[in-house]
Structure formats: C-alpha cells, structure tokens
C-alpha cells in the first residue's frame, strides 16, 4: 500500500503523542472535587487544535522537501479532512460518555481519572484497528465497497434520528458483567477493585471504565471506515485519528454543558457519512478530489453549528 510513512516518521509521531499525553495528564487538572471550568476546557481544546494544525504544517514542510509540493498538498489536505471528520464523529462519543457518567452518578473528580484511561485505551485500540484495516484494504480492496455501504447505512440512521434515548442498562456488556462479576453496590472512592471479607469485588467505577472503552470500540467501527474513504494511507489515517483523540478530554468538559444544544449535529454527521460512503462506492467510476471532500465536511459542520445556535436561541436554551 502506498504510504508516506517511514520508520522515522512513525517514531517521530509517537514521540509527539507521548509528549502531548504527558503535558495533558500533568497540565489539565482540577482541584479535588472541583469541576473543570468551561473556560479552562476551551483553552485546552484550542491548544490541541493548534497542535494538530502545527503538525499538519510540519508534515507539509517535510513532504515539500522530500516528495515535492504536489504530494505535500495532497497528503496534508487528506490529513486535515481526516482530522475534521474524526473530530466531528468524536463529539458523538463524548455525548455517550456524558450519558454513562450521568447514569452512574460519577462525580467530576472521578470523571477526569476515567477519561485518562479512556483516552489511553482509545489510542491503543485505534492504532490496532487502523493497521488491521489498512491490511484488509491492501489485501482485499473490495472491502472498501463494504465500508462505503456501511457508512451510507449509518449515515441514514443519523438522518432518521433516534426516537428514544438509549438506555445504559440495556447494554449487553453491562448485563454480562453484572452477571459474572461481584460488584459493590456503591462507589468506593477512586478504586476499581476492593477486597471485602477476603473476596475481590469490582466497583461501579470499573463498570464505567469498561463501558467507556467499549463505546470507543463501537464508534471506531464508524470512524475508521469513514477515514479510509478520505485516504488509504495508513500514516495519514493514524495521525489524523490520534490527533483528534488527544483532545477528547478537554472537548468532553467543553461540551458537557452543551450536549442538548447541538440539535442538528446528528443530521450533519449523517450527511457527511452518506457523502463519504457514496464517494467510496463510486471509487471505480469517479475519483473525487480531496479538496471537495474537505470542503464538504467544513461547510456541513459550519452550517450544522449555525443552525444549532439559531435553534438554541429560538427556544431560549442557555449557551456556554
């Protein structure tokens, strides 16, 4: 499979990811029992978007010197299109996390700890899934059509909307865990496991951690095929994906007060998924320039945001 990725590029990228994680874990903190302020979360979100943008700029400079301006322009546009796509799809993941935390009444101080593990788990799982997906695309190119059909189906589900809010208690993995594990009736501080009467018990915090990781696996099923519609270069797929994930904690706290305000987001995501799904299905008929995909994603997200703000003002919903 054609890729710009070299061993040194991968090592450099994972070095950047490691440094960013350390900065995130040590810098993005709140006092014990204190909620993360929206202002703080906004600053950190801007910081992560800036880092992702600078990475794209650095990648362009490197490729312009080593492969020429044409390759640099194409690959960097693929990177930004993939980043915007993954960032927008990640918002839906954040809303599911909000629902899980609310269902288990997880206090703000513990939410941060769970999100630390959640982001780390997402990075590991996404990396594995991306390389597996890249291998499948290389060995079985027809799988792109399956990806395309799945994305169109998923997109229409978004456009159709949900009649009822999902119930956490109906999740099969939660039912299985409660059936096969000893679980304490309430939280035990920040512990995932406790020993009582000589027996090891899991706490509800451990259940929430499993649900957080499981939700990312579920959303990866949508997001990873989606980005392969933008580019099949595994290096671009990986970098765009992980750059979008790294800012998830800050985005979670930024959006925690706006979950009900983004009324048209599902429709925007649905339209994007249908678009890229059809693009994937038409690979042998028409090769769509990457700037069209990037422009469509930007325009759709912009219109979605404007309509959501207007809807919020019309119905007197408070904003951040």
Protein backbone atom coordinates (compact mmCIF):
# COMPACT_ATOMS: atom_id res chain seq x y z
CA UNK A 1 0.00 0.00 0.00
CA UNK A 2 1.30 3.42 -0.96
CA UNK A 3 2.19 5.47 2.10
CA UNK A 4 4.38 8.37 3.07
CA UNK A 5 5.04 6.71 6.42
CA UNK A 6 8.59 5.70 7.21
CA UNK A 7 10.01 4.24 10.38
CA UNK A 8 11.42 7.61 11.40
CA UNK A 9 8.12 9.38 10.70
CA UNK A 10 6.24 6.88 12.86
CA UNK A 11 8.81 7.19 15.65
CA UNK A 12 8.66 10.98 15.48
CA UNK A 13 4.86 10.97 15.55
CA UNK A 14 4.58 8.60 18.50
CA UNK A 15 7.22 10.69 20.27
CA UNK A 16 4.99 13.75 19.78
CA UNK A 17 1.96 11.80 21.03
CA UNK A 18 3.87 10.71 24.15
CA UNK A 19 4.94 14.27 24.96
CA UNK A 20 1.41 15.55 24.39
CA UNK A 21 -0.05 12.90 26.68
CA UNK A 22 2.40 13.81 29.45
CA UNK A 23 1.54 17.51 29.06
CA UNK A 24 -2.17 16.69 29.03
CA UNK A 25 -2.03 14.45 32.10
CA UNK A 26 0.14 16.82 34.14
CA UNK A 27 -1.29 20.12 32.95
CA UNK A 28 -5.03 19.59 32.50
CA UNK A 29 -6.03 19.19 36.13
CA UNK A 30 -8.63 20.40 38.56
CA UNK A 31 -8.64 20.56 42.32
CA UNK A 32 -10.02 17.62 44.25
CA UNK A 33 -13.80 17.50 43.88
CA UNK A 34 -13.86 20.62 41.69
CA UNK A 35 -15.43 20.64 38.24
CA UNK A 36 -13.31 21.62 35.25
CA UNK A 37 -14.30 25.12 34.20
CA UNK A 38 -15.63 25.58 30.68
CA UNK A 39 -13.09 28.38 30.16
CA UNK A 40 -10.22 26.04 31.05
CA UNK A 41 -11.56 23.30 28.81
CA UNK A 42 -11.92 25.82 25.96
CA UNK A 43 -8.29 26.91 26.30
CA UNK A 44 -7.08 23.31 26.26
CA UNK A 45 -9.31 22.48 23.28
CA UNK A 46 -7.83 25.40 21.37
CA UNK A 47 -4.35 24.20 22.36
CA UNK A 48 -4.96 20.69 20.96
CA UNK A 49 -6.42 22.02 17.72
CA UNK A 50 -3.37 24.28 17.41
CA UNK A 51 -1.01 21.33 17.95
CA UNK A 52 -2.86 19.31 15.31
CA UNK A 53 -2.64 22.25 12.90
CA UNK A 54 1.07 22.73 13.56
CA UNK A 55 1.64 19.03 12.96
CA UNK A 56 -0.08 19.38 9.59
CA UNK A 57 2.14 22.35 8.78
CA UNK A 58 5.26 20.46 9.81
CA UNK A 59 4.19 17.48 7.71
CA UNK A 60 3.73 19.75 4.69
CA UNK A 61 7.22 21.24 5.11
CA UNK A 62 8.76 17.77 5.38
CA UNK A 63 6.91 16.40 2.34
CA UNK A 64 7.55 19.52 0.29
CA UNK A 65 11.28 18.98 0.80
CA UNK A 66 11.28 15.21 0.29
CA UNK A 67 8.44 14.45 -2.14
CA UNK A 68 7.50 17.74 -3.77
CA UNK A 69 4.75 20.30 -3.38
CA UNK A 70 2.09 18.23 -5.18
CA UNK A 71 2.43 15.28 -2.79
CA UNK A 72 2.68 17.64 0.19
CA UNK A 73 -0.52 19.46 -0.74
CA UNK A 74 -2.47 16.25 -1.35
CA UNK A 75 -1.37 14.44 1.79
CA UNK A 76 -1.83 17.41 4.09
CA UNK A 77 -5.33 18.05 2.73
CA UNK A 78 -6.07 14.36 3.36
CA UNK A 79 -4.76 14.78 6.91
CA UNK A 80 -6.95 17.81 7.66
CA UNK A 81 -10.02 16.24 6.04
CA UNK A 82 -9.48 13.10 8.14
CA UNK A 83 -8.85 15.14 11.27
CA UNK A 84 -12.05 17.17 10.87
CA UNK A 85 -14.03 14.02 10.14
CA UNK A 86 -12.69 12.17 13.19
CA UNK A 87 -13.09 15.23 15.42
CA UNK A 88 -16.73 15.64 14.43
CA UNK A 89 -17.51 11.94 14.88
CA UNK A 90 -15.77 12.02 18.28
CA UNK A 91 -18.37 14.51 19.51
CA UNK A 92 -20.97 11.76 19.44
CA UNK A 93 -18.63 9.59 21.50
CA UNK A 94 -18.35 12.39 24.07
CA UNK A 95 -22.13 12.56 24.41
CA UNK A 96 -22.25 8.82 25.12
CA UNK A 97 -19.62 9.29 27.85
CA UNK A 98 -21.78 12.03 29.35
CA UNK A 99 -24.73 9.65 29.40
CA UNK A 100 -22.66 6.89 31.05
CA UNK A 101 -21.31 9.20 33.75
CA UNK A 102 -24.80 10.55 34.45
CA UNK A 103 -26.28 7.05 34.70
CA UNK A 104 -23.72 6.04 37.34
CA UNK A 105 -23.61 9.46 39.06
CA UNK A 106 -19.83 9.75 38.61
CA UNK A 107 -18.54 12.91 40.35
CA UNK A 108 -16.35 15.35 38.37
CA UNK A 109 -13.18 14.40 40.26
CA UNK A 110 -13.52 10.78 39.10
CA UNK A 111 -14.55 11.68 35.56
CA UNK A 112 -11.09 13.04 34.87
CA UNK A 113 -9.44 9.80 36.00
CA UNK A 114 -11.77 7.69 33.86
CA UNK A 115 -11.12 9.90 30.84
CA UNK A 116 -7.36 9.48 31.30
CA UNK A 117 -7.73 5.73 30.94
CA UNK A 118 -10.36 6.18 28.24
CA UNK A 119 -8.07 8.26 26.02
CA UNK A 120 -5.13 5.88 26.53
CA UNK A 121 -7.32 2.90 25.69
CA UNK A 122 -8.71 4.68 22.63
CA UNK A 123 -5.19 5.42 21.35
CA UNK A 124 -4.11 1.79 21.69
CA UNK A 125 -7.33 0.35 20.22
CA UNK A 126 -7.50 2.81 17.32
CA UNK A 127 -3.85 2.14 16.42
CA UNK A 128 -4.51 -1.62 16.30
CA UNK A 129 -7.75 -1.23 14.34
CA UNK A 130 -6.17 1.15 11.82
CA UNK A 131 -3.30 -1.21 10.98
CA UNK A 132 -5.72 -4.13 10.72
CA UNK A 133 -7.98 -2.03 8.49
CA UNK A 134 -5.03 -0.97 6.33
CA UNK A 135 -4.02 -4.62 5.89
CA UNK A 136 -7.56 -5.57 4.84
CA UNK A 137 -7.71 -2.70 2.35
CA UNK A 138 -4.38 -3.75 0.87
CA UNK A 139 -5.21 -7.47 0.66
CA UNK A 140 -8.92 -7.18 -0.16
CA UNK A 141 -9.60 -3.91 -1.95
CA UNK A 142 -13.27 -4.85 -2.38
CA UNK A 143 -13.74 -4.28 1.36
CA UNK A 144 -13.86 -0.55 0.58
CA UNK A 145 -17.27 -1.11 -1.00
CA UNK A 146 -18.48 -2.83 2.16
CA UNK A 147 -17.15 0.15 4.15
CA UNK A 148 -18.98 2.50 1.79
CA UNK A 149 -22.30 0.68 2.05
CA UNK A 150 -21.98 0.54 5.84
CA UNK A 151 -21.29 4.28 6.04
CA UNK A 152 -24.31 5.10 3.87
CA UNK A 153 -26.48 2.90 6.11
CA UNK A 154 -25.07 4.52 9.26
CA UNK A 155 -25.47 7.99 7.80
CA UNK A 156 -29.15 7.40 7.02
CA UNK A 157 -29.64 6.18 10.60
CA UNK A 158 -28.25 9.52 11.83
CA UNK A 159 -30.51 11.43 9.43
CA UNK A 160 -33.54 9.43 10.52
CA UNK A 161 -32.88 10.39 14.12
CA UNK A 162 -33.49 8.45 17.33
CA UNK A 163 -37.00 8.25 18.73
CA UNK A 164 -35.85 7.25 22.20
CA UNK A 165 -32.72 7.91 24.21
CA UNK A 166 -30.58 4.78 24.58
CA UNK A 167 -30.74 3.08 27.94
CA UNK A 168 -27.40 2.22 29.53
CA UNK A 169 -29.00 -0.67 31.41
CA UNK A 170 -29.87 -2.35 28.11
CA UNK A 171 -26.22 -2.67 27.05
CA UNK A 172 -25.33 -6.35 26.65
CA UNK A 173 -21.82 -5.90 28.04
CA UNK A 174 -23.19 -4.32 31.22
CA UNK A 175 -25.66 -7.16 31.73
CA UNK A 176 -22.87 -9.72 31.20
CA UNK A 177 -20.51 -8.01 33.67
CA UNK A 178 -23.19 -7.81 36.35
CA UNK A 179 -24.00 -11.47 35.85
CA UNK A 180 -20.42 -12.73 36.01
CA UNK A 181 -18.73 -10.36 38.48
CA UNK A 182 -19.11 -9.42 42.13
CA UNK A 183 -19.87 -5.69 42.11
CA UNK A 184 -20.17 -3.40 45.11
CA UNK A 185 -23.50 -1.53 45.39
CA UNK A 186 -21.79 1.88 45.51
CA UNK A 187 -18.58 3.67 44.57
CA UNK A 188 -15.53 3.03 46.73
CA UNK A 189 -13.68 6.30 46.21
CA UNK A 190 -11.43 6.13 43.14
CA UNK A 191 -10.85 2.38 43.40
CA UNK A 192 -11.70 -0.05 40.63
CA UNK A 193 -11.48 -3.08 42.93
CA UNK A 194 -11.81 -3.61 46.68
CA UNK A 195 -11.40 -6.64 48.91
CA UNK A 196 -14.28 -7.43 51.26
CA UNK A 197 -14.42 -10.45 53.56
CA UNK A 198 -11.40 -11.88 51.80
CA UNK A 199 -13.05 -11.66 48.36
CA UNK A 200 -12.22 -9.32 45.48
CA UNK A 201 -15.09 -7.10 44.34
CA UNK A 202 -15.29 -4.78 41.36
CA UNK A 203 -16.72 -1.32 41.95
CA UNK A 204 -19.18 0.57 39.71
CA UNK A 205 -16.20 2.70 38.65
CA UNK A 206 -14.73 -0.37 36.94
CA UNK A 207 -18.01 -0.94 35.10
CA UNK A 208 -17.95 2.65 33.86
CA UNK A 209 -14.36 2.24 32.64
CA UNK A 210 -15.33 -0.85 30.65
CA UNK A 211 -18.33 0.97 29.16
CA UNK A 212 -16.14 3.95 28.20
CA UNK A 213 -13.67 1.67 26.40
CA UNK A 214 -16.49 -0.36 24.80
CA UNK A 215 -18.12 2.82 23.49
CA UNK A 216 -14.89 3.76 21.71
CA UNK A 217 -14.73 0.34 20.07
CA UNK A 218 -18.30 0.84 18.84
CA UNK A 219 -17.57 4.30 17.46
CA UNK A 220 -14.33 3.10 15.86
CA UNK A 221 -16.48 0.84 13.69
CA UNK A 222 -17.93 4.02 12.14
CA UNK A 223 -14.97 6.38 12.22
CA UNK A 224 -12.18 4.16 10.89
CA UNK A 225 -14.04 3.06 7.71
CA UNK A 226 -15.03 6.72 7.27
CA UNK A 227 -11.47 7.99 7.20
CA UNK A 228 -10.44 5.26 4.75
CA UNK A 229 -12.86 6.98 2.35
CA UNK A 230 -10.69 10.09 2.65
CA UNK A 231 -7.33 8.34 2.33
CA UNK A 232 -5.96 4.80 2.36
CA UNK A 233 -2.52 5.93 3.51
CA UNK A 234 -2.18 4.28 6.97
CA UNK A 235 0.14 7.03 8.22
CA UNK A 236 -2.39 9.75 7.42
CA UNK A 237 -5.23 7.66 8.83
CA UNK A 238 -3.30 7.08 12.06
CA UNK A 239 -2.10 10.64 12.59
CA UNK A 240 -5.49 12.22 11.85
CA UNK A 241 -7.22 9.74 14.15
CA UNK A 242 -4.89 10.08 17.12
CA UNK A 243 -4.63 13.86 16.84
CA UNK A 244 -8.43 14.01 17.08
CA UNK A 245 -8.47 11.65 20.07
CA UNK A 246 -5.80 13.51 22.05
CA UNK A 247 -8.11 16.45 22.66
CA UNK A 248 -11.07 14.33 23.76
CA UNK A 249 -10.74 15.05 27.49
CA UNK A 250 -10.80 18.81 27.01
CA UNK A 251 -13.61 18.50 24.47
CA UNK A 252 -15.61 16.39 26.94
CA UNK A 253 -15.58 19.11 29.60
CA UNK A 254 -16.15 21.81 26.97
CA UNK A 255 -19.23 20.07 25.58
CA UNK A 256 -20.61 18.75 28.88
CA UNK A 257 -22.84 21.79 29.18
CA UNK A 258 -23.76 21.89 25.51
CA UNK A 259 -24.90 18.33 24.85
CA UNK A 260 -28.53 19.35 24.47
CA UNK A 261 -27.72 22.49 22.46
CA UNK A 262 -26.19 20.82 19.37
CA UNK A 263 -29.59 19.92 17.99
CA UNK A 264 -28.56 19.48 14.36
CA UNK A 265 -25.22 17.72 14.91
CA UNK A 266 -26.56 14.18 14.25
CA UNK A 267 -28.01 15.35 10.93
CA UNK A 268 -24.73 16.96 9.94
CA UNK A 269 -22.79 13.81 10.81
CA UNK A 270 -25.33 11.71 8.95
CA UNK A 271 -24.97 13.84 5.83
CA UNK A 272 -21.17 13.59 6.00
CA UNK A 273 -21.26 9.80 6.42
CA UNK A 274 -23.67 9.39 3.50
CA UNK A 275 -21.46 11.63 1.34
CA UNK A 276 -18.22 9.79 2.04
CA UNK A 277 -20.00 6.43 1.83
CA UNK A 278 -21.21 7.21 -1.70
CA UNK A 279 -17.74 8.54 -2.52
CA UNK A 280 -16.27 5.18 -1.51
CA UNK A 281 -18.87 3.27 -3.53
CA UNK A 282 -18.02 5.36 -6.64
CA UNK A 283 -14.26 4.75 -6.50
CA UNK A 284 -14.15 2.93 -9.86
CA UNK A 285 -16.39 5.49 -11.56
CA UNK A 286 -15.19 8.85 -10.27
CA UNK A 287 -12.16 9.78 -8.17
CA UNK A 288 -13.26 12.79 -6.16
CA UNK A 289 -10.51 15.37 -5.47
CA UNK A 290 -9.66 15.60 -1.79
CA UNK A 291 -10.41 19.33 -1.68
CA UNK A 292 -14.06 18.57 -2.45
CA UNK A 293 -14.28 16.18 0.49
CA UNK A 294 -12.53 18.65 2.79
CA UNK A 295 -14.77 21.49 1.65
CA UNK A 296 -17.95 19.44 2.08
CA UNK A 297 -17.00 18.47 5.64
CA UNK A 298 -16.15 22.07 6.61
CA UNK A 299 -19.30 23.53 5.04
CA UNK A 300 -21.57 20.88 6.56
CA UNK A 301 -20.14 21.31 10.06
CA UNK A 302 -20.35 25.10 9.76
CA UNK A 303 -24.00 25.04 8.67
CA UNK A 304 -24.78 22.50 11.41
CA UNK A 305 -23.23 24.77 14.05
CA UNK A 306 -25.09 27.87 12.78
CA UNK A 307 -28.45 26.08 12.70
CA UNK A 308 -27.86 24.64 16.18
CA UNK A 309 -27.05 28.10 17.58
CA UNK A 310 -30.19 29.55 16.00
CA UNK A 311 -32.28 26.69 17.36
CA UNK A 312 -30.81 27.24 20.82
CA UNK A 313 -31.62 30.97 20.74
CA UNK A 314 -35.11 30.38 19.38
CA UNK A 315 -36.03 28.09 22.26
CA UNK A 316 -34.15 30.20 24.85
CA UNK A 317 -31.59 27.48 25.63
CA UNK A 318 -28.58 28.70 27.55
CA UNK A 319 -25.26 28.59 25.80
CA UNK A 320 -21.77 28.06 27.09
